[in-house]
């Protein structure tokens, strides 16, 4: 029997480790205060902001901010990562997937999808399907068959449905500030912060750039000195490369965190059916709303895929009945509550393993 050297089987060690992480995550969420939330929003605004600048924005001392901020990262409440823009590896098309699994396999199937580097988003949900995901296919229509091949290799998928994402109207990486910023006295976001950045091209990157991105995917707050050492270049060169990629729109530093960290308990995916002649106007109207984190037109059924965040089920009910239900051009909708978010922006969330039941978490 394999052990960790202390007489416990590997499976038991894995379960205990996962439970410990889950306990730390839950405790951290329960003990968050306004300072923690200000730090989270400051990191969402700029994941590489110095602790000194964050302390100034929060009107508190640097040691206090460092202590709180590092604990948030250590407990998996926050993850700062690098996100190369779409098209960085060639022409790309996005497909939205709805997947039904064999009973009892939802988490393992979702974990397998999250491990696929081509999935941008993966979540276990309620409703007719068990999982919703977004998959990027590079190489144009000649590569579409690869979508089928990628899904066929995942065990325990019972059936699936895919839709081409035709146009993205809104993707709000700074959604927390949009929803919570007014309460903390923060200035409103610019419209540019709420739209999908333009596609990038492979020619915008060299080999060192790609290595830099790989390092920052693991730790988006890696210092320029440490980054330079890992890349074999000096600190100033590392700084210039990152600043060039960010200013050219080829790379974003993104801060991921659970909506529960800001007190939002309902994350919902809604497929909105619209009158064909009103599809654009409905999309633009929804994109203006702070509750809407993401909205895109999909190919089938004159439909919009929409992700909504609300504080509670009551607030979700009000959004569905008083906002969506009264909007001109909306014919109806189907909705699924997100139960477990495993991946966002091509990056695994820091908290999903802590949230999942230990027995359901596959070996990483």
Protein backbone atom coordinates (compact mmCIF):
# COMPACT_ATOMS: atom_id res chain seq x y z
CA UNK A 1 0.00 0.00 0.00
CA UNK A 2 1.35 3.40 -1.01
CA UNK A 3 1.55 5.92 1.79
CA UNK A 4 2.76 9.45 2.30
CA UNK A 5 5.45 8.23 4.68
CA UNK A 6 3.31 8.70 7.78
CA UNK A 7 1.30 5.50 7.56
CA UNK A 8 -1.73 6.90 5.72
CA UNK A 9 -2.83 5.64 2.29
CA UNK A 10 -2.61 8.13 -0.57
CA UNK A 11 -6.39 8.20 -0.95
CA UNK A 12 -6.87 9.14 2.70
CA UNK A 13 -4.18 11.84 2.44
CA UNK A 14 -5.92 13.27 -0.63
CA UNK A 15 -9.28 13.36 1.15
CA UNK A 16 -7.83 14.97 4.29
CA UNK A 17 -5.94 17.54 2.20
CA UNK A 18 -9.07 18.42 0.24
CA UNK A 19 -11.13 18.73 3.41
CA UNK A 20 -8.48 20.95 4.99
CA UNK A 21 -8.54 23.21 1.92
CA UNK A 22 -12.34 23.26 2.01
CA UNK A 23 -12.35 24.21 5.68
CA UNK A 24 -9.83 27.01 5.06
CA UNK A 25 -11.86 28.29 2.10
CA UNK A 26 -15.15 28.30 4.04
CA UNK A 27 -13.55 29.93 7.08
CA UNK A 28 -11.99 32.61 4.92
CA UNK A 29 -15.31 33.37 3.20
CA UNK A 30 -17.13 33.57 6.52
CA UNK A 31 -14.59 35.96 8.00
CA UNK A 32 -14.30 38.42 5.09
CA UNK A 33 -14.73 42.08 6.05
CA UNK A 34 -14.98 45.31 4.04
CA UNK A 35 -11.19 45.60 3.86
CA UNK A 36 -10.95 42.14 2.33
CA UNK A 37 -13.59 43.07 -0.23
CA UNK A 38 -11.79 46.31 -1.07
CA UNK A 39 -8.58 44.35 -1.60
CA UNK A 40 -10.38 41.84 -3.83
CA UNK A 41 -11.86 44.65 -5.94
CA UNK A 42 -8.49 46.42 -6.16
CA UNK A 43 -6.90 43.17 -7.38
CA UNK A 44 -9.71 42.69 -9.87
CA UNK A 45 -9.03 46.18 -11.20
CA UNK A 46 -5.30 45.44 -11.49
CA UNK A 47 -4.03 42.06 -10.38
CA UNK A 48 -0.44 43.32 -10.35
CA UNK A 49 -1.09 46.47 -8.34
CA UNK A 50 1.49 46.85 -5.59
CA UNK A 51 0.44 46.24 -2.01
CA UNK A 52 1.47 49.85 -1.34
CA UNK A 53 -0.96 51.26 -3.93
CA UNK A 54 -3.72 48.96 -2.69
CA UNK A 55 -3.06 50.11 0.89
CA UNK A 56 -3.38 53.74 -0.23
CA UNK A 57 -6.66 52.99 -2.02
CA UNK A 58 -7.97 51.19 1.06
CA UNK A 59 -6.72 53.90 3.43
CA UNK A 60 -4.85 51.46 5.65
CA UNK A 61 -1.29 50.30 6.32
CA UNK A 62 0.79 48.24 3.90
CA UNK A 63 1.47 45.41 6.42
CA UNK A 64 -2.28 45.06 7.02
CA UNK A 65 -3.02 44.84 3.29
CA UNK A 66 -0.17 42.38 2.72
CA UNK A 67 -1.43 40.14 5.51
CA UNK A 68 -5.03 40.16 4.29
CA UNK A 69 -4.16 39.91 0.60
CA UNK A 70 -1.73 37.03 0.93
CA UNK A 71 -4.21 35.14 3.11
CA UNK A 72 -6.94 35.57 0.49
CA UNK A 73 -4.63 34.07 -2.14
CA UNK A 74 -3.37 31.28 0.14
CA UNK A 75 -6.93 30.21 1.06
CA UNK A 76 -8.01 30.04 -2.59
CA UNK A 77 -10.49 32.90 -2.30
CA UNK A 78 -8.55 34.82 -4.95
CA UNK A 79 -6.39 33.77 -7.87
CA UNK A 80 -4.43 36.24 -10.00
CA UNK A 81 -3.49 34.86 -13.41
CA UNK A 82 -2.54 35.84 -16.97
CA UNK A 83 -5.02 35.51 -19.80
CA UNK A 84 -3.79 35.74 -23.41
CA UNK A 85 -6.41 37.16 -25.73
CA UNK A 86 -8.35 35.03 -28.16
CA UNK A 87 -6.49 34.41 -31.40
CA UNK A 88 -3.07 34.24 -29.76
CA UNK A 89 -2.69 30.73 -31.19
CA UNK A 90 -4.45 31.41 -34.50
CA UNK A 91 -8.03 31.99 -35.72
CA UNK A 92 -10.47 30.82 -33.08
CA UNK A 93 -14.17 30.02 -32.88
CA UNK A 94 -16.05 29.48 -29.62
CA UNK A 95 -18.68 26.80 -29.04
CA UNK A 96 -21.04 26.72 -26.09
CA UNK A 97 -21.62 23.18 -24.82
CA UNK A 98 -24.44 21.65 -22.81
CA UNK A 99 -23.52 18.22 -21.49
CA UNK A 100 -25.51 15.46 -19.78
CA UNK A 101 -23.55 12.89 -17.76
CA UNK A 102 -24.12 9.43 -16.40
CA UNK A 103 -25.48 9.61 -12.81
CA UNK A 104 -22.84 10.39 -10.21
CA UNK A 105 -20.15 11.46 -12.69
CA UNK A 106 -20.82 15.20 -13.00
CA UNK A 107 -17.76 16.38 -11.07
CA UNK A 108 -15.34 13.96 -12.72
CA UNK A 109 -16.60 14.87 -16.21
CA UNK A 110 -16.40 18.59 -15.39
CA UNK A 111 -12.86 18.11 -14.06
CA UNK A 112 -11.84 16.35 -17.29
CA UNK A 113 -13.26 19.23 -19.32
CA UNK A 114 -11.51 21.78 -17.11
CA UNK A 115 -8.21 19.96 -17.70
CA UNK A 116 -8.61 20.51 -21.45
CA UNK A 117 -6.55 23.63 -22.32
CA UNK A 118 -9.12 24.59 -24.97
CA UNK A 119 -12.04 25.05 -22.55
CA UNK A 120 -12.57 28.64 -21.51
CA UNK A 121 -15.42 28.05 -19.07
CA UNK A 122 -16.73 24.97 -17.21
CA UNK A 123 -19.53 24.84 -14.63
CA UNK A 124 -21.73 22.15 -13.07
CA UNK A 125 -25.32 23.36 -13.27
CA UNK A 126 -28.96 22.56 -12.52
CA UNK A 127 -31.56 21.79 -15.15
CA UNK A 128 -31.83 19.49 -18.16
CA UNK A 129 -28.06 19.33 -18.58
CA UNK A 130 -25.42 18.72 -15.91
CA UNK A 131 -22.54 20.82 -17.24
CA UNK A 132 -22.17 23.93 -19.35
CA UNK A 133 -18.86 24.79 -20.94
CA UNK A 134 -17.29 26.98 -23.61
CA UNK A 135 -14.73 25.44 -25.93
CA UNK A 136 -12.31 27.30 -28.22
CA UNK A 137 -11.53 25.66 -31.57
CA UNK A 138 -8.55 27.06 -33.49
CA UNK A 139 -7.89 26.69 -37.20
CA UNK A 140 -11.27 27.64 -38.67
CA UNK A 141 -14.04 25.39 -39.95
CA UNK A 142 -11.57 22.72 -41.00
CA UNK A 143 -10.94 22.04 -37.31
CA UNK A 144 -14.57 21.77 -36.18
CA UNK A 145 -14.42 17.96 -36.27
CA UNK A 146 -11.85 18.25 -33.49
CA UNK A 147 -14.64 19.43 -31.18
CA UNK A 148 -16.34 16.06 -31.57
CA UNK A 149 -13.08 14.21 -31.01
CA UNK A 150 -12.32 16.16 -27.84
CA UNK A 151 -15.71 15.33 -26.33
CA UNK A 152 -15.66 11.69 -27.39
CA UNK A 153 -12.52 11.10 -25.34
CA UNK A 154 -14.22 12.18 -22.08
CA UNK A 155 -15.72 9.18 -20.23
CA UNK A 156 -19.28 9.21 -18.83
CA UNK A 157 -20.74 11.84 -21.17
CA UNK A 158 -24.24 10.61 -22.02
CA UNK A 159 -25.17 13.27 -24.57
CA UNK A 160 -24.21 16.79 -25.51
CA UNK A 161 -25.36 19.78 -27.54
CA UNK A 162 -23.16 22.47 -29.02
CA UNK A 163 -23.84 25.98 -30.34
CA UNK A 164 -21.52 28.29 -32.23
CA UNK A 165 -20.90 31.56 -30.39
CA UNK A 166 -21.41 34.14 -33.14
CA UNK A 167 -20.75 37.37 -31.26
CA UNK A 168 -19.78 38.36 -27.72
CA UNK A 169 -21.44 41.58 -26.54
CA UNK A 170 -20.06 41.70 -23.03
CA UNK A 171 -17.51 39.94 -20.86
CA UNK A 172 -16.98 41.70 -17.54
CA UNK A 173 -13.70 40.71 -15.90
CA UNK A 174 -14.30 43.58 -13.44
CA UNK A 175 -17.85 42.47 -12.64
CA UNK A 176 -17.24 42.70 -8.87
CA UNK A 177 -16.50 46.39 -9.07
CA UNK A 178 -19.49 46.94 -11.35
CA UNK A 179 -21.79 45.31 -8.79
CA UNK A 180 -20.14 46.29 -5.52
CA UNK A 181 -18.03 49.35 -6.31
CA UNK A 182 -20.72 51.95 -5.62
CA UNK A 183 -21.21 50.62 -2.09
CA UNK A 184 -17.50 51.10 -1.44
CA UNK A 185 -17.36 54.53 -3.09
CA UNK A 186 -15.33 53.42 -6.13
CA UNK A 187 -15.61 55.25 -9.49
CA UNK A 188 -17.71 53.59 -12.24
CA UNK A 189 -16.11 51.45 -14.94
CA UNK A 190 -15.53 52.67 -18.48
CA UNK A 191 -17.41 50.90 -21.29
CA UNK A 192 -14.11 49.48 -22.61
CA UNK A 193 -13.77 47.45 -19.41
CA UNK A 194 -16.98 45.55 -20.23
CA UNK A 195 -16.34 44.38 -23.80
CA UNK A 196 -14.42 41.47 -25.28
CA UNK A 197 -10.92 42.70 -26.31
CA UNK A 198 -10.06 42.43 -30.01
CA UNK A 199 -8.55 39.15 -31.18
CA UNK A 200 -4.77 38.83 -31.11
CA UNK A 201 -2.48 37.00 -33.55
CA UNK A 202 0.36 34.46 -33.09
CA UNK A 203 2.79 36.89 -34.74
CA UNK A 204 2.42 39.19 -31.72
CA UNK A 205 4.33 36.70 -29.53
CA UNK A 206 7.83 35.27 -29.56
CA UNK A 207 9.09 32.26 -27.61
CA UNK A 208 10.04 34.32 -24.55
CA UNK A 209 6.61 35.99 -24.54
CA UNK A 210 4.94 32.58 -24.46
CA UNK A 211 7.13 31.45 -21.57
CA UNK A 212 6.32 34.67 -19.74
CA UNK A 213 2.60 33.98 -20.14
CA UNK A 214 3.02 30.43 -18.84
CA UNK A 215 4.76 31.71 -15.71
CA UNK A 216 2.13 34.38 -15.06
CA UNK A 217 -0.71 31.90 -15.57
CA UNK A 218 0.54 30.14 -12.45
CA UNK A 219 1.12 33.34 -10.47
CA UNK A 220 -0.04 36.61 -11.96
CA UNK A 221 1.68 38.58 -9.20
CA UNK A 222 5.13 37.11 -9.78
CA UNK A 223 7.69 39.90 -9.34
CA UNK A 224 9.61 41.17 -12.36
CA UNK A 225 12.83 40.01 -10.72
CA UNK A 226 11.54 36.45 -10.26
CA UNK A 227 9.99 36.51 -13.72
CA UNK A 228 13.26 37.60 -15.31
CA UNK A 229 15.20 34.88 -13.48
CA UNK A 230 12.83 32.18 -14.72
CA UNK A 231 12.97 33.47 -18.28
CA UNK A 232 16.73 34.04 -18.31
CA UNK A 233 16.39 37.78 -18.96
CA UNK A 234 16.95 40.84 -16.78
CA UNK A 235 14.26 42.46 -14.68
CA UNK A 236 13.77 45.50 -16.93
CA UNK A 237 13.34 43.28 -20.02
CA UNK A 238 10.66 41.26 -18.21
CA UNK A 239 8.89 44.49 -17.28
CA UNK A 240 9.03 45.86 -20.85
CA UNK A 241 7.72 42.61 -22.33
CA UNK A 242 4.75 42.44 -19.99
CA UNK A 243 3.91 46.11 -20.44
CA UNK A 244 4.06 45.69 -24.24
CA UNK A 245 1.75 42.68 -24.21
CA UNK A 246 -0.75 44.42 -21.93
CA UNK A 247 -0.72 47.76 -23.78
CA UNK A 248 -1.19 45.98 -27.14
CA UNK A 249 -4.20 44.11 -25.78
CA UNK A 250 -2.53 40.73 -26.20
CA UNK A 251 -2.57 39.82 -22.52
CA UNK A 252 -4.73 40.62 -19.50
CA UNK A 253 -3.96 40.07 -15.85
CA UNK A 254 -7.20 38.70 -14.43
CA UNK A 255 -8.25 38.20 -10.82
CA UNK A 256 -10.64 35.28 -10.30
CA UNK A 257 -12.69 34.88 -7.14
CA UNK A 258 -15.90 33.27 -6.00
CA UNK A 259 -18.98 35.48 -6.20
CA UNK A 260 -19.68 34.44 -2.62
CA UNK A 261 -16.65 36.49 -1.56
CA UNK A 262 -18.68 39.64 -2.26
CA UNK A 263 -21.91 38.24 -0.88
CA UNK A 264 -23.47 37.21 -4.20
CA UNK A 265 -25.16 33.85 -3.82
CA UNK A 266 -26.82 33.25 -7.20
CA UNK A 267 -24.86 32.76 -10.43
CA UNK A 268 -27.18 31.79 -13.26
CA UNK A 269 -26.79 30.91 -16.94
CA UNK A 270 -29.80 32.00 -19.00
CA UNK A 271 -30.51 31.18 -22.63
CA UNK A 272 -32.74 34.05 -23.77
CA UNK A 273 -34.93 33.53 -26.84
CA UNK A 274 -35.56 36.80 -28.69
CA UNK A 275 -37.51 38.01 -31.69
CA UNK A 276 -35.12 37.80 -34.67
CA UNK A 277 -35.51 41.50 -35.42
CA UNK A 278 -34.84 42.44 -31.78
CA UNK A 279 -31.89 40.16 -31.01
CA UNK A 280 -29.33 42.99 -31.15
CA UNK A 281 -31.42 45.46 -29.17
CA UNK A 282 -32.15 42.88 -26.45
CA UNK A 283 -28.43 42.04 -26.24
CA UNK A 284 -27.41 45.69 -25.92
CA UNK A 285 -30.09 46.34 -23.31
CA UNK A 286 -28.94 43.38 -21.22
CA UNK A 287 -25.28 44.36 -21.61
CA UNK A 288 -26.00 47.66 -19.83
CA UNK A 289 -27.09 45.86 -16.68
CA UNK A 290 -24.63 45.40 -13.83
CA UNK A 291 -26.06 41.97 -12.99
CA UNK A 292 -25.05 40.64 -16.42
CA UNK A 293 -21.46 39.39 -16.46
CA UNK A 294 -21.47 37.84 -19.93
CA UNK A 295 -23.73 37.92 -22.98
CA UNK A 296 -23.24 36.43 -26.44
CA UNK A 297 -25.32 35.55 -29.50
CA UNK A 298 -25.39 31.82 -30.27
CA UNK A 299 -26.35 30.23 -33.57
CA UNK A 300 -29.45 28.24 -32.68
CA UNK A 301 -32.92 29.57 -31.98
CA UNK A 302 -32.43 33.37 -32.12
CA UNK A 303 -30.82 33.02 -28.72
CA UNK A 304 -28.51 34.87 -26.37
CA UNK A 305 -26.38 33.12 -23.76
CA UNK A 306 -26.33 35.27 -20.66
CA UNK A 307 -24.64 34.91 -17.26
CA UNK A 308 -26.28 36.80 -14.39
CA UNK A 309 -25.04 37.37 -10.84
CA UNK A 310 -27.41 38.36 -8.04
CA UNK A 311 -27.14 38.52 -4.27
CA UNK A 312 -29.97 36.11 -3.59
CA UNK A 313 -32.70 33.96 -5.10
CA UNK A 314 -35.16 36.79 -4.41
CA UNK A 315 -33.02 39.19 -6.43
CA UNK A 316 -32.80 36.63 -9.22
CA UNK A 317 -36.61 36.34 -9.20
CA UNK A 318 -36.93 40.12 -9.49
CA UNK A 319 -34.47 40.18 -12.39
CA UNK A 320 -36.36 37.44 -14.24
CA UNK A 321 -39.84 38.86 -13.69
CA UNK A 322 -39.37 42.63 -13.51
CA UNK A 323 -36.48 43.02 -15.96
CA UNK A 324 -36.20 40.12 -18.36
CA UNK A 325 -39.91 39.30 -18.38
CA UNK A 326 -40.87 42.86 -19.32
CA UNK A 327 -38.19 43.46 -21.94
CA UNK A 328 -39.45 44.12 -25.48
CA UNK A 329 -38.35 41.41 -27.88
CA UNK A 330 -37.85 38.65 -25.30
CA UNK A 331 -39.88 35.54 -26.13
CA UNK A 332 -38.79 33.36 -23.24
CA UNK A 333 -35.79 31.69 -21.65
CA UNK A 334 -34.26 28.61 -20.10
CA UNK A 335 -32.11 28.98 -17.00
CA UNK A 336 -29.65 26.90 -14.96
CA UNK A 337 -28.12 27.74 -11.60
CA UNK A 338 -24.34 27.35 -11.42
CA UNK A 339 -23.48 24.90 -8.66
CA UNK A 340 -19.71 24.62 -9.08
CA UNK A 341 -17.50 26.78 -11.33
CA UNK A 342 -14.33 24.93 -12.28
CA UNK A 343 -12.89 27.19 -14.95
CA UNK A 344 -13.09 30.78 -16.14
CA UNK A 345 -11.03 32.55 -18.79
CA UNK A 346 -9.15 29.32 -19.63
CA UNK A 347 -7.96 29.10 -16.00
CA UNK A 348 -9.10 26.67 -13.29
CA UNK A 349 -10.64 28.47 -10.35
CA UNK A 350 -8.67 28.30 -7.12
CA UNK A 351 -11.67 27.22 -5.06
CA UNK A 352 -13.52 24.49 -6.93
CA UNK A 353 -11.66 21.57 -5.33
CA UNK A 354 -12.34 23.05 -1.91
CA UNK A 355 -16.04 23.43 -2.69
CA UNK A 356 -16.51 19.96 -4.19
CA UNK A 357 -17.08 16.93 -1.94
CA UNK A 358 -13.67 15.28 -1.37
CA UNK A 359 -14.89 11.92 -2.65
CA UNK A 360 -15.94 13.53 -5.94
CA UNK A 361 -12.62 15.30 -6.62
CA UNK A 362 -10.45 13.33 -9.09
CA UNK A 363 -6.70 13.18 -8.77
CA UNK A 364 -5.09 16.21 -10.36
